[in-house]
Amino acid sequence: MNSEKYIGLDVHQATISAAVLDSAGKLVMESILETKASTILEFFIGLRGTLLVTFEEGTWAAWLYDLLKPHVNKLVVCNPRKNALLKHGNKNDRIDARKLAELLRLDNLKPVYHGETSVRMLRELARSYLTIVKDLTRVMIRLKAVYRSWAIPCAGRDVYYTRHRSEWLTKIPHAGPRRRAERLYQQLDMLQHLRQEARRELLAESRKHAITAKLRQIPSLGPIRSALAVALIQTPHRFRTKRQLWAYSGLALETRTSGEHRYVQGQLRRSKKQISIRGLNKDHNHDLKGLFKAAATRASVQPGPRSRISTRDRWPKASSQLWCASRWRAKLQPLR
């Protein structure tokens, strides 16, 4: 007798709705658990058989994955964007948990990678650094917007320098916008200090990983980009082939076609209709794609072999991106 149990968890801040199906798809049990480690483990200890569990990627996913992994036979953290079944019909926590268990039983879930713990510290430091950089960029944009709202030209970076601030503030005629600009300058100083601290911690942690030194051999990949790449990719072994890495980086082409075959004199022939390309894939890691694009742009303007080739290319930035991606693949392949 098959003792497999498929468990779907709909996770929320206060409670977790659990649904348990057997191998035939019959509902065995439903329960509402408190989002608390002891309560969750007590529930799973009481179950018998081969336990296969799934829940959606979200705020609680990393904590719940580490908690349940030693106690179940298979654990799938699924991509909520791919769960079209959950969008149809009535929706509540109980129904969502049952649908997740059914999708797990049918093996129709798209997993989200979890499991590499050796770079967890580096990954958290990279998240902190990227968040601070985004906040800093936002404050800089807001500061220039204040000056532009009063028709004050503010091209370049002089508006951010400490030695020029009093001169720039006097250009704002009214006290209210001037006070707002002063507050933005205070935020700018604070975030710049935090960014330097986050940068130092990120570089110090990245030196513990030998792969960062190898990645720095690639032109236009400095210490920061190498550290971020290791933190974002974690391990190349998570990708079955290099094409999965392209898609994860947002460098895969999306194509559309229909009516691929036809009969000619009783024989099946492939149609010669051209495949339409709809651009790059939209479901990707935006930070990793930004890293590749920034490295490619820098490689296209730096003096060297890549810049000489780019002057003869029709699309220098696109060719630089492909060149950098090929160098990336060359560095990652020996790690297998």
C-alpha atoms as a PDB file:
ATOM      1  CA  MET A   1       0.000   0.000   0.000  1.00  0.00           C
ATOM      2  CA  ASN A   2       1.306   3.442  -0.973  1.00  0.00           C
ATOM      3  CA  SER A   3       1.922   5.497   2.176  1.00  0.00           C
ATOM      4  CA  GLU A   4       2.791   8.778   0.464  1.00  0.00           C
ATOM      5  CA  LYS A   5       1.153  11.893   1.864  1.00  0.00           C
ATOM      6  CA  TYR A   6       1.077  15.173  -0.038  1.00  0.00           C
ATOM      7  CA  ILE A   7       0.883  18.185   2.265  1.00  0.00           C
ATOM      8  CA  GLY A   8       0.059  21.703   1.117  1.00  0.00           C
ATOM      9  CA  LEU A   9       0.705  24.628   3.455  1.00  0.00           C
ATOM     10  CA  ASP A  10      -0.834  28.070   3.025  1.00  0.00           C
ATOM     11  CA  VAL A  11       1.448  30.187   5.210  1.00  0.00           C
ATOM     12  CA  HIS A  12       0.453  33.448   6.889  1.00  0.00           C
ATOM     13  CA  GLN A  13       1.829  35.576   9.700  1.00  0.00           C
ATOM     14  CA  ALA A  14      -0.360  34.146  12.467  1.00  0.00           C
ATOM     15  CA  THR A  15      -1.588  30.780  11.144  1.00  0.00           C
ATOM     16  CA  ILE A  16      -0.824  28.065   8.605  1.00  0.00           C
ATOM     17  CA  SER A  17      -3.573  26.132   6.838  1.00  0.00           C
ATOM     18  CA  ALA A  18      -2.518  22.546   6.133  1.00  0.00           C
ATOM     19  CA  ALA A  19      -4.172  20.019   3.817  1.00  0.00           C
ATOM     20  CA  VAL A  20      -3.037  16.376   3.557  1.00  0.00           C
ATOM     21  CA  LEU A  21      -3.843  14.194   0.522  1.00  0.00           C
ATOM     22  CA  ASP A  22      -3.057  10.517  -0.001  1.00  0.00           C
ATOM     23  CA  SER A  23      -1.605   9.014  -3.197  1.00  0.00           C
ATOM     24  CA  ALA A  24      -5.095   8.750  -4.721  1.00  0.00           C
ATOM     25  CA  GLY A  25      -5.839  12.447  -4.156  1.00  0.00           C
ATOM     26  CA  LYS A  26      -8.278  11.843  -1.322  1.00  0.00           C
ATOM     27  CA  LEU A  27      -8.341  14.432   1.452  1.00  0.00           C
ATOM     28  CA  VAL A  28      -7.003  12.794   4.609  1.00  0.00           C
ATOM     29  CA  MET A  29      -6.697  15.689   6.998  1.00  0.00           C
ATOM     30  CA  GLU A  30      -7.109  19.459   7.302  1.00  0.00           C
ATOM     31  CA  SER A  31      -5.709  21.552  10.107  1.00  0.00           C
ATOM     32  CA  ILE A  32      -4.973  25.135  11.129  1.00  0.00           C
ATOM     33  CA  LEU A  33      -1.610  25.584  12.860  1.00  0.00           C
ATOM     34  CA  GLU A  34      -0.065  28.474  14.702  1.00  0.00           C
ATOM     35  CA  THR A  35       2.950  29.908  12.890  1.00  0.00           C
ATOM     36  CA  LYS A  36       5.273  28.674  15.589  1.00  0.00           C
ATOM     37  CA  ALA A  37       8.133  26.185  15.305  1.00  0.00           C
ATOM     38  CA  SER A  38       7.027  23.852  18.130  1.00  0.00           C
ATOM     39  CA  THR A  39       3.427  23.658  16.870  1.00  0.00           C
ATOM     40  CA  ILE A  40       4.487  22.942  13.287  1.00  0.00           C
ATOM     41  CA  LEU A  41       6.953  20.209  14.282  1.00  0.00           C
ATOM     42  CA  GLU A  42       4.390  18.582  16.556  1.00  0.00           C
ATOM     43  CA  PHE A  43       1.981  18.368  13.615  1.00  0.00           C
ATOM     44  CA  PHE A  44       4.523  16.680  11.333  1.00  0.00           C
ATOM     45  CA  ILE A  45       5.765  14.289  14.000  1.00  0.00           C
ATOM     46  CA  GLY A  46       2.207  12.956  14.275  1.00  0.00           C
ATOM     47  CA  LEU A  47       2.071  12.044  10.557  1.00  0.00           C
ATOM     48  CA  ARG A  48       3.160   8.644   9.276  1.00  0.00           C
ATOM     49  CA  GLY A  49       4.437   7.547   5.888  1.00  0.00           C
ATOM     50  CA  THR A  50       6.416   9.342   3.181  1.00  0.00           C
ATOM     51  CA  LEU A  51       5.847  13.052   3.640  1.00  0.00           C
ATOM     52  CA  LEU A  52       5.988  15.386   0.634  1.00  0.00           C
ATOM     53  CA  VAL A  53       5.421  19.043   1.510  1.00  0.00           C
ATOM     54  CA  THR A  54       4.992  22.254  -0.458  1.00  0.00           C
ATOM     55  CA  PHE A  55       4.332  25.912   0.260  1.00  0.00           C
ATOM     56  CA  GLU A  56       4.742  29.125  -1.721  1.00  0.00           C
ATOM     57  CA  GLU A  57       7.807  31.332  -1.754  1.00  0.00           C
ATOM     58  CA  GLY A  58       7.349  34.324   0.530  1.00  0.00           C
ATOM     59  CA  THR A  59       8.533  36.097   3.653  1.00  0.00           C
ATOM     60  CA  TRP A  60       8.458  32.952   5.782  1.00  0.00           C
ATOM     61  CA  ALA A  61       9.872  30.564   3.161  1.00  0.00           C
ATOM     62  CA  ALA A  62      13.538  30.485   4.245  1.00  0.00           C
ATOM     63  CA  TRP A  63      12.697  29.970   7.933  1.00  0.00           C
ATOM     64  CA  LEU A  64      10.094  27.304   7.225  1.00  0.00           C
ATOM     65  CA  TYR A  65      12.382  25.501   4.780  1.00  0.00           C
ATOM     66  CA  ASP A  66      15.164  25.183   7.364  1.00  0.00           C
ATOM     67  CA  LEU A  67      12.639  24.055   9.975  1.00  0.00           C
ATOM     68  CA  LEU A  68      10.952  21.307   7.928  1.00  0.00           C
ATOM     69  CA  LYS A  69      13.776  20.001   5.747  1.00  0.00           C
ATOM     70  CA  PRO A  70      15.139  17.462   8.316  1.00  0.00           C
ATOM     71  CA  HIS A  71      11.647  16.106   9.082  1.00  0.00           C
ATOM     72  CA  VAL A  72      10.146  15.401   5.640  1.00  0.00           C
ATOM     73  CA  ASN A  73      11.112  13.284   2.644  1.00  0.00           C
ATOM     74  CA  LYS A  74      10.638  15.962   0.016  1.00  0.00           C
ATOM     75  CA  LEU A  75      10.161  19.718   0.349  1.00  0.00           C
ATOM     76  CA  VAL A  76       9.218  21.994  -2.545  1.00  0.00           C
ATOM     77  CA  VAL A  77       9.106  25.777  -2.201  1.00  0.00           C
ATOM     78  CA  CYS A  78       7.043  26.714  -5.249  1.00  0.00           C
ATOM     79  CA  ASN A  79       6.848  29.856  -7.356  1.00  0.00           C
ATOM     80  CA  PRO A  80       3.478  31.566  -6.681  1.00  0.00           C
ATOM     81  CA  ARG A  81       3.559  33.280 -10.084  1.00  0.00           C
ATOM     82  CA  LYS A  82       3.278  29.892 -11.791  1.00  0.00           C
ATOM     83  CA  ASN A  83       0.359  28.548  -9.733  1.00  0.00           C
ATOM     84  CA  ALA A  84      -2.477  29.402 -12.106  1.00  0.00           C
ATOM     85  CA  LEU A  85      -4.815  26.896 -10.432  1.00  0.00           C
ATOM     86  CA  LEU A  86      -4.972  29.024  -7.277  1.00  0.00           C
ATOM     87  CA  LYS A  87      -6.476  31.929  -9.230  1.00  0.00           C
ATOM     88  CA  HIS A  88      -9.545  29.985 -10.412  1.00  0.00           C
ATOM     89  CA  GLY A  89     -12.746  29.560  -8.440  1.00  0.00           C
ATOM     90  CA  ASN A  90     -13.273  30.394  -4.793  1.00  0.00           C
ATOM     91  CA  LYS A  91     -10.293  31.377  -2.703  1.00  0.00           C
ATOM     92  CA  ASN A  92      -9.550  31.015   0.990  1.00  0.00           C
ATOM     93  CA  ASP A  93      -6.759  29.519   3.082  1.00  0.00           C
ATOM     94  CA  ARG A  94      -8.275  26.035   3.236  1.00  0.00           C
ATOM     95  CA  ILE A  95      -8.896  25.865  -0.526  1.00  0.00           C
ATOM     96  CA  ASP A  96      -5.405  27.193  -1.331  1.00  0.00           C
ATOM     97  CA  ALA A  97      -3.742  24.579   0.881  1.00  0.00           C
ATOM     98  CA  ARG A  98      -5.747  21.802  -0.784  1.00  0.00           C
ATOM     99  CA  LYS A  99      -4.869  23.074  -4.279  1.00  0.00           C
ATOM    100  CA  LEU A 100      -1.180  23.233  -3.391  1.00  0.00           C
ATOM    101  CA  ALA A 101      -1.269  19.632  -2.177  1.00  0.00           C
ATOM    102  CA  GLU A 102      -3.006  18.570  -5.398  1.00  0.00           C
ATOM    103  CA  LEU A 103      -0.433  20.362  -7.565  1.00  0.00           C
ATOM    104  CA  LEU A 104       2.327  18.646  -5.598  1.00  0.00           C
ATOM    105  CA  ARG A 105       0.705  15.257  -6.148  1.00  0.00           C
ATOM    106  CA  LEU A 106       0.508  15.949  -9.897  1.00  0.00           C
ATOM    107  CA  ASP A 107       4.129  17.157  -9.936  1.00  0.00           C
ATOM    108  CA  ASN A 108       2.966  20.432 -11.492  1.00  0.00           C
ATOM    109  CA  LEU A 109       4.883  22.937  -9.374  1.00  0.00           C
ATOM    110  CA  LYS A 110       7.772  25.203 -10.350  1.00  0.00           C
ATOM    111  CA  PRO A 111      10.320  25.046  -7.503  1.00  0.00           C
ATOM    112  CA  VAL A 112      12.252  28.005  -6.121  1.00  0.00           C
ATOM    113  CA  TYR A 113      15.848  27.214  -5.184  1.00  0.00           C
ATOM    114  CA  HIS A 114      16.619  26.782  -1.493  1.00  0.00           C
ATOM    115  CA  GLY A 115      19.350  24.784   0.142  1.00  0.00           C
ATOM    116  CA  GLU A 116      22.770  26.426  -0.272  1.00  0.00           C
ATOM    117  CA  THR A 117      23.797  27.502   3.220  1.00  0.00           C
ATOM    118  CA  SER A 118      27.538  28.088   2.739  1.00  0.00           C
ATOM    119  CA  VAL A 119      26.968  31.550   1.250  1.00  0.00           C
ATOM    120  CA  ARG A 120      24.082  32.596   3.499  1.00  0.00           C
ATOM    121  CA  MET A 121      26.119  35.271   5.292  1.00  0.00           C
ATOM    122  CA  LEU A 122      27.365  36.652   1.982  1.00  0.00           C
ATOM    123  CA  ARG A 123      23.844  36.581   0.579  1.00  0.00           C
ATOM    124  CA  GLU A 124      22.413  38.585   3.479  1.00  0.00           C
ATOM    125  CA  LEU A 125      25.234  41.136   3.275  1.00  0.00           C
ATOM    126  CA  ALA A 126      24.627  41.459  -0.468  1.00  0.00           C
ATOM    127  CA  ARG A 127      20.921  42.067   0.121  1.00  0.00           C
ATOM    128  CA  SER A 128      21.772  44.728   2.684  1.00  0.00           C
ATOM    129  CA  TYR A 129      24.222  46.420   0.320  1.00  0.00           C
ATOM    130  CA  LEU A 130      21.822  46.398  -2.637  1.00  0.00           C
ATOM    131  CA  THR A 131      18.975  47.763  -0.511  1.00  0.00           C
ATOM    132  CA  ILE A 132      21.115  50.634   0.766  1.00  0.00           C
ATOM    133  CA  VAL A 133      22.309  51.434  -2.764  1.00  0.00           C
ATOM    134  CA  LYS A 134      18.709  51.577  -3.993  1.00  0.00           C
ATOM    135  CA  ASP A 135      17.697  53.828  -1.086  1.00  0.00           C
ATOM    136  CA  LEU A 136      20.662  56.081  -1.778  1.00  0.00           C
ATOM    137  CA  THR A 137      19.755  56.337  -5.453  1.00  0.00           C
ATOM    138  CA  ARG A 138      16.172  57.182  -4.536  1.00  0.00           C
ATOM    139  CA  VAL A 139      17.283  60.013  -2.227  1.00  0.00           C
ATOM    140  CA  MET A 140      19.598  61.421  -4.908  1.00  0.00           C
ATOM    141  CA  ILE A 141      16.762  61.425  -7.445  1.00  0.00           C
ATOM    142  CA  ARG A 142      14.433  63.156  -4.983  1.00  0.00           C
ATOM    143  CA  LEU A 143      17.058  65.792  -4.231  1.00  0.00           C
ATOM    144  CA  LYS A 144      17.471  66.692  -7.885  1.00  0.00           C
ATOM    145  CA  ALA A 145      13.692  66.714  -8.280  1.00  0.00           C
ATOM    146  CA  VAL A 146      13.483  69.507  -5.691  1.00  0.00           C
ATOM    147  CA  TYR A 147      15.807  71.699  -7.738  1.00  0.00           C
ATOM    148  CA  ARG A 148      14.128  70.843 -11.031  1.00  0.00           C
ATOM    149  CA  SER A 149      10.727  71.769  -9.584  1.00  0.00           C
ATOM    150  CA  TRP A 150      12.074  75.348  -9.264  1.00  0.00           C
ATOM    151  CA  ALA A 151      13.646  75.313 -12.747  1.00  0.00           C
ATOM    152  CA  ILE A 152      17.173  75.187 -11.292  1.00  0.00           C
ATOM    153  CA  PRO A 153      19.586  73.316 -13.610  1.00  0.00           C
ATOM    154  CA  CYS A 154      21.352  70.590 -11.608  1.00  0.00           C
ATOM    155  CA  ALA A 155      23.146  68.366 -14.108  1.00  0.00           C
ATOM    156  CA  GLY A 156      26.157  66.452 -12.888  1.00  0.00           C
ATOM    157  CA  ARG A 157      27.158  65.500  -9.344  1.00  0.00           C
ATOM    158  CA  ASP A 158      28.073  68.895  -7.884  1.00  0.00           C
ATOM    159  CA  VAL A 159      24.674  69.143  -6.229  1.00  0.00           C
ATOM    160  CA  TYR A 160      25.594  66.230  -3.931  1.00  0.00           C
ATOM    161  CA  TYR A 161      29.005  67.459  -2.737  1.00  0.00           C
ATOM    162  CA  THR A 162      29.235  68.834   0.798  1.00  0.00           C
ATOM    163  CA  ARG A 163      31.402  71.811  -0.178  1.00  0.00           C
ATOM    164  CA  HIS A 164      28.761  73.085  -2.618  1.00  0.00           C
ATOM    165  CA  ARG A 165      25.600  72.525  -0.577  1.00  0.00           C
ATOM    166  CA  SER A 166      25.225  76.002   0.907  1.00  0.00           C
ATOM    167  CA  GLU A 167      25.570  77.491  -2.561  1.00  0.00           C
ATOM    168  CA  TRP A 168      22.925  75.162  -3.965  1.00  0.00           C
ATOM    169  CA  LEU A 169      20.519  75.732  -1.067  1.00  0.00           C
ATOM    170  CA  THR A 170      20.616  79.499  -1.583  1.00  0.00           C
ATOM    171  CA  LYS A 171      19.286  78.984  -5.123  1.00  0.00           C
ATOM    172  CA  ILE A 172      15.934  77.763  -3.703  1.00  0.00           C
ATOM    173  CA  PRO A 173      13.868  80.918  -3.128  1.00  0.00           C
ATOM    174  CA  HIS A 174      11.358  79.597  -0.550  1.00  0.00           C
ATOM    175  CA  ALA A 175      12.009  78.273   2.949  1.00  0.00           C
ATOM    176  CA  GLY A 176       9.752  75.190   2.677  1.00  0.00           C
ATOM    177  CA  PRO A 177      11.468  73.503  -0.299  1.00  0.00           C
ATOM    178  CA  ARG A 178      14.849  74.587   1.116  1.00  0.00           C
ATOM    179  CA  ARG A 179      14.076  72.791   4.377  1.00  0.00           C
ATOM    180  CA  ARG A 180      13.022  69.710   2.448  1.00  0.00           C
ATOM    181  CA  ALA A 181      16.328  69.742   0.557  1.00  0.00           C
ATOM    182  CA  GLU A 182      18.221  70.001   3.851  1.00  0.00           C
ATOM    183  CA  ARG A 183      16.417  66.888   5.129  1.00  0.00           C
ATOM    184  CA  LEU A 184      17.321  65.040   1.944  1.00  0.00           C
ATOM    185  CA  TYR A 185      20.962  66.038   2.386  1.00  0.00           C
ATOM    186  CA  GLN A 186      20.863  64.574   5.897  1.00  0.00           C
ATOM    187  CA  GLN A 187      19.462  61.312   4.528  1.00  0.00           C
ATOM    188  CA  LEU A 188      22.132  61.333   1.828  1.00  0.00           C
ATOM    189  CA  ASP A 189      24.964  61.668   4.366  1.00  0.00           C
ATOM    190  CA  MET A 190      23.552  58.894   6.533  1.00  0.00           C
ATOM    191  CA  LEU A 191      23.058  56.495   3.628  1.00  0.00           C
ATOM    192  CA  GLN A 192      26.497  57.187   2.185  1.00  0.00           C
ATOM    193  CA  HIS A 193      28.031  56.247   5.548  1.00  0.00           C
ATOM    194  CA  LEU A 194      25.913  53.082   5.737  1.00  0.00           C
ATOM    195  CA  ARG A 195      26.859  52.151   2.182  1.00  0.00           C
ATOM    196  CA  GLN A 196      30.564  52.339   2.985  1.00  0.00           C
ATOM    197  CA  GLU A 197      30.082  50.116   6.030  1.00  0.00           C
ATOM    198  CA  ALA A 198      27.990  47.596   4.053  1.00  0.00           C
ATOM    199  CA  ARG A 199      30.599  47.612   1.287  1.00  0.00           C
ATOM    200  CA  ARG A 200      33.444  46.832   3.692  1.00  0.00           C
ATOM    201  CA  GLU A 201      31.524  43.971   5.297  1.00  0.00           C
ATOM    202  CA  LEU A 202      30.551  42.555   1.900  1.00  0.00           C
ATOM    203  CA  LEU A 203      34.142  42.579   0.625  1.00  0.00           C
ATOM    204  CA  ALA A 204      35.485  41.066   3.842  1.00  0.00           C
ATOM    205  CA  GLU A 205      32.983  38.198   3.656  1.00  0.00           C
ATOM    206  CA  SER A 206      33.571  37.628  -0.069  1.00  0.00           C
ATOM    207  CA  ARG A 207      37.291  36.988   0.530  1.00  0.00           C
ATOM    208  CA  LYS A 208      36.303  33.787   2.364  1.00  0.00           C
ATOM    209  CA  HIS A 209      35.065  32.318  -0.945  1.00  0.00           C
ATOM    210  CA  ALA A 210      37.760  31.328  -3.449  1.00  0.00           C
ATOM    211  CA  ILE A 211      35.449  31.659  -6.445  1.00  0.00           C
ATOM    212  CA  THR A 212      35.324  35.447  -6.082  1.00  0.00           C
ATOM    213  CA  ALA A 213      39.042  35.666  -6.921  1.00  0.00           C
ATOM    214  CA  LYS A 214      38.437  33.665 -10.116  1.00  0.00           C
ATOM    215  CA  LEU A 215      35.492  35.835 -11.142  1.00  0.00           C
ATOM    216  CA  ARG A 216      37.554  38.980 -10.685  1.00  0.00           C
ATOM    217  CA  GLN A 217      39.790  37.789 -13.539  1.00  0.00           C
ATOM    218  CA  ILE A 218      36.924  38.595 -15.918  1.00  0.00           C
ATOM    219  CA  PRO A 219      37.318  42.150 -17.253  1.00  0.00           C
ATOM    220  CA  SER A 220      34.820  44.691 -15.851  1.00  0.00           C
ATOM    221  CA  LEU A 221      33.971  42.429 -12.907  1.00  0.00           C
ATOM    222  CA  GLY A 222      35.493  44.096  -9.884  1.00  0.00           C
ATOM    223  CA  PRO A 223      35.392  42.956  -6.255  1.00  0.00           C
ATOM    224  CA  ILE A 224      31.846  44.235  -5.624  1.00  0.00           C
ATOM    225  CA  ARG A 225      30.298  42.646  -8.718  1.00  0.00           C
ATOM    226  CA  SER A 226      32.126  39.358  -8.057  1.00  0.00           C
ATOM    227  CA  ALA A 227      30.834  39.256  -4.487  1.00  0.00           C
ATOM    228  CA  LEU A 228      27.286  40.068  -5.606  1.00  0.00           C
ATOM    229  CA  ALA A 229      27.436  37.427  -8.330  1.00  0.00           C
ATOM    230  CA  VAL A 230      28.404  34.684  -5.860  1.00  0.00           C
ATOM    231  CA  ALA A 231      25.686  35.831  -3.449  1.00  0.00           C
ATOM    232  CA  LEU A 232      22.966  35.926  -6.127  1.00  0.00           C
ATOM    233  CA  ILE A 233      23.856  32.715  -7.989  1.00  0.00           C
ATOM    234  CA  GLN A 234      24.953  30.819  -4.836  1.00  0.00           C
ATOM    235  CA  THR A 235      26.086  27.737  -6.789  1.00  0.00           C
ATOM    236  CA  PRO A 236      26.195  26.908 -10.533  1.00  0.00           C
ATOM    237  CA  HIS A 237      25.081  23.344  -9.795  1.00  0.00           C
ATOM    238  CA  ARG A 238      21.509  24.568  -9.218  1.00  0.00           C
ATOM    239  CA  PHE A 239      21.183  24.996 -13.012  1.00  0.00           C
ATOM    240  CA  ARG A 240      20.816  21.901 -15.163  1.00  0.00           C
ATOM    241  CA  THR A 241      22.407  23.573 -18.202  1.00  0.00           C
ATOM    242  CA  LYS A 242      23.798  26.988 -19.046  1.00  0.00           C
ATOM    243  CA  ARG A 243      20.472  27.967 -20.613  1.00  0.00           C
ATOM    244  CA  GLN A 244      18.815  27.962 -17.187  1.00  0.00           C
ATOM    245  CA  LEU A 245      21.479  30.428 -16.012  1.00  0.00           C
ATOM    246  CA  TRP A 246      20.715  32.670 -19.005  1.00  0.00           C
ATOM    247  CA  ALA A 247      17.010  32.651 -18.143  1.00  0.00           C
ATOM    248  CA  TYR A 248      17.684  33.318 -14.451  1.00  0.00           C
ATOM    249  CA  SER A 249      19.854  36.277 -15.480  1.00  0.00           C
ATOM    250  CA  GLY A 250      17.194  37.684 -17.810  1.00  0.00           C
ATOM    251  CA  LEU A 251      19.245  37.007 -20.959  1.00  0.00           C
ATOM    252  CA  ALA A 252      17.029  34.311 -22.501  1.00  0.00           C
ATOM    253  CA  LEU A 253      14.967  35.036 -25.615  1.00  0.00           C
ATOM    254  CA  GLU A 254      11.196  34.505 -25.584  1.00  0.00           C
ATOM    255  CA  THR A 255       9.838  33.192 -28.872  1.00  0.00           C
ATOM    256  CA  ARG A 256       6.323  32.693 -30.240  1.00  0.00           C
ATOM    257  CA  THR A 257       5.204  30.399 -33.030  1.00  0.00           C
ATOM    258  CA  SER A 258       2.140  28.416 -34.081  1.00  0.00           C
ATOM    259  CA  GLY A 259       1.218  26.030 -36.891  1.00  0.00           C
ATOM    260  CA  GLU A 260       4.722  24.557 -37.053  1.00  0.00           C
ATOM    261  CA  HIS A 261       3.840  21.606 -39.320  1.00  0.00           C
ATOM    262  CA  ARG A 262       1.791  20.988 -42.437  1.00  0.00           C
ATOM    263  CA  TYR A 263       1.092  18.186 -44.926  1.00  0.00           C
ATOM    264  CA  VAL A 264       2.620  18.474 -48.416  1.00  0.00           C
ATOM    265  CA  GLN A 265       1.558  15.735 -50.874  1.00  0.00           C
ATOM    266  CA  GLY A 266       0.634  13.468 -47.998  1.00  0.00           C
ATOM    267  CA  GLN A 267       3.896  13.979 -46.111  1.00  0.00           C
ATOM    268  CA  LEU A 268       4.350  15.884 -42.877  1.00  0.00           C
ATOM    269  CA  ARG A 269       6.687  18.845 -43.352  1.00  0.00           C
ATOM    270  CA  ARG A 270       7.895  21.484 -40.945  1.00  0.00           C
ATOM    271  CA  SER A 271       6.658  24.938 -41.857  1.00  0.00           C
ATOM    272  CA  LYS A 272       9.224  27.541 -42.914  1.00  0.00           C
ATOM    273  CA  LYS A 273       7.361  30.276 -41.088  1.00  0.00           C
ATOM    274  CA  GLN A 274       9.783  32.482 -39.188  1.00  0.00           C
ATOM    275  CA  ILE A 275       9.715  32.318 -35.395  1.00  0.00           C
ATOM    276  CA  SER A 276       8.832  35.663 -33.840  1.00  0.00           C
ATOM    277  CA  ILE A 277      11.103  36.868 -31.031  1.00  0.00           C
ATOM    278  CA  ARG A 278       9.332  38.772 -28.242  1.00  0.00           C
ATOM    279  CA  GLY A 279      12.433  40.038 -26.453  1.00  0.00           C
ATOM    280  CA  LEU A 280      14.144  38.850 -23.289  1.00  0.00           C
ATOM    281  CA  ASN A 281      12.365  36.871 -20.581  1.00  0.00           C
ATOM    282  CA  LYS A 282      10.642  38.962 -17.903  1.00  0.00           C
ATOM    283  CA  ASP A 283      10.663  36.390 -15.079  1.00  0.00           C
ATOM    284  CA  HIS A 284      14.255  36.691 -13.834  1.00  0.00           C
ATOM    285  CA  ASN A 285      16.516  37.963 -11.086  1.00  0.00           C
ATOM    286  CA  HIS A 286      16.588  41.727 -11.651  1.00  0.00           C
ATOM    287  CA  ASP A 287      19.678  42.314  -9.512  1.00  0.00           C
ATOM    288  CA  LEU A 288      21.675  39.721 -11.447  1.00  0.00           C
ATOM    289  CA  LYS A 289      20.574  41.131 -14.789  1.00  0.00           C
ATOM    290  CA  GLY A 290      21.543  44.624 -13.644  1.00  0.00           C
ATOM    291  CA  LEU A 291      24.958  43.274 -12.668  1.00  0.00           C
ATOM    292  CA  PHE A 292      25.499  41.730 -16.128  1.00  0.00           C
ATOM    293  CA  LYS A 293      24.317  44.878 -17.925  1.00  0.00           C
ATOM    294  CA  ALA A 294      26.523  47.151 -15.834  1.00  0.00           C
ATOM    295  CA  ALA A 295      29.556  44.911 -16.444  1.00  0.00           C
ATOM    296  CA  ALA A 296      28.832  44.771 -20.182  1.00  0.00           C
ATOM    297  CA  THR A 297      28.381  48.540 -20.432  1.00  0.00           C
ATOM    298  CA  ARG A 298      31.656  49.125 -18.621  1.00  0.00           C
ATOM    299  CA  ALA A 299      33.448  46.608 -20.834  1.00  0.00           C
ATOM    300  CA  SER A 300      32.174  48.395 -23.955  1.00  0.00           C
ATOM    301  CA  VAL A 301      33.672  51.758 -22.929  1.00  0.00           C
ATOM    302  CA  GLN A 302      36.892  50.595 -21.261  1.00  0.00           C
ATOM    303  CA  PRO A 303      40.081  50.479 -23.375  1.00  0.00           C
ATOM    304  CA  GLY A 304      40.927  46.914 -24.279  1.00  0.00           C
ATOM    305  CA  PRO A 305      40.088  44.098 -26.722  1.00  0.00           C
ATOM    306  CA  ARG A 306      36.361  44.283 -26.069  1.00  0.00           C
ATOM    307  CA  SER A 307      36.153  48.010 -26.798  1.00  0.00           C
ATOM    308  CA  ARG A 308      38.079  47.601 -30.069  1.00  0.00           C
ATOM    309  CA  ILE A 309      35.654  44.930 -31.210  1.00  0.00           C
ATOM    310  CA  SER A 310      32.680  47.050 -30.109  1.00  0.00           C
ATOM    311  CA  THR A 311      33.674  49.902 -32.416  1.00  0.00           C
ATOM    312  CA  ARG A 312      33.100  47.596 -35.387  1.00  0.00           C
ATOM    313  CA  ASP A 313      29.836  46.159 -34.072  1.00  0.00           C
ATOM    314  CA  ARG A 314      26.455  47.548 -34.917  1.00  0.00           C
ATOM    315  CA  TRP A 315      25.137  46.983 -31.374  1.00  0.00           C
ATOM    316  CA  PRO A 316      28.135  47.422 -29.032  1.00  0.00           C
ATOM    317  CA  LYS A 317      26.233  47.046 -25.764  1.00  0.00           C
ATOM    318  CA  ALA A 318      24.414  43.891 -26.877  1.00  0.00           C
ATOM    319  CA  SER A 319      27.648  42.333 -28.135  1.00  0.00           C
ATOM    320  CA  SER A 320      29.392  43.241 -24.875  1.00  0.00           C
ATOM    321  CA  GLN A 321      26.646  41.549 -22.883  1.00  0.00           C
ATOM    322  CA  LEU A 322      27.022  38.373 -24.930  1.00  0.00           C
ATOM    323  CA  TRP A 323      30.794  38.502 -24.565  1.00  0.00           C
ATOM    324  CA  CYS A 324      30.604  38.926 -20.785  1.00  0.00           C
ATOM    325  CA  ALA A 325      28.041  36.120 -20.557  1.00  0.00           C
ATOM    326  CA  SER A 326      30.358  33.803 -22.491  1.00  0.00           C
ATOM    327  CA  ARG A 327      33.226  34.639 -20.133  1.00  0.00           C
ATOM    328  CA  TRP A 328      30.932  33.951 -17.181  1.00  0.00           C
ATOM    329  CA  ARG A 329      30.036  30.541 -18.561  1.00  0.00           C
ATOM    330  CA  ALA A 330      33.718  29.747 -19.152  1.00  0.00           C
ATOM    331  CA  LYS A 331      34.481  30.491 -15.511  1.00  0.00           C
ATOM    332  CA  LEU A 332      31.517  28.586 -14.123  1.00  0.00           C
ATOM    333  CA  GLN A 333      31.942  25.422 -16.215  1.00  0.00           C
ATOM    334  CA  PRO A 334      35.070  24.120 -14.336  1.00  0.00           C
ATOM    335  CA  LEU A 335      33.107  24.229 -11.080  1.00  0.00           C
ATOM    336  CA  ARG A 336      31.034  21.237 -12.088  1.00  0.00           C
END
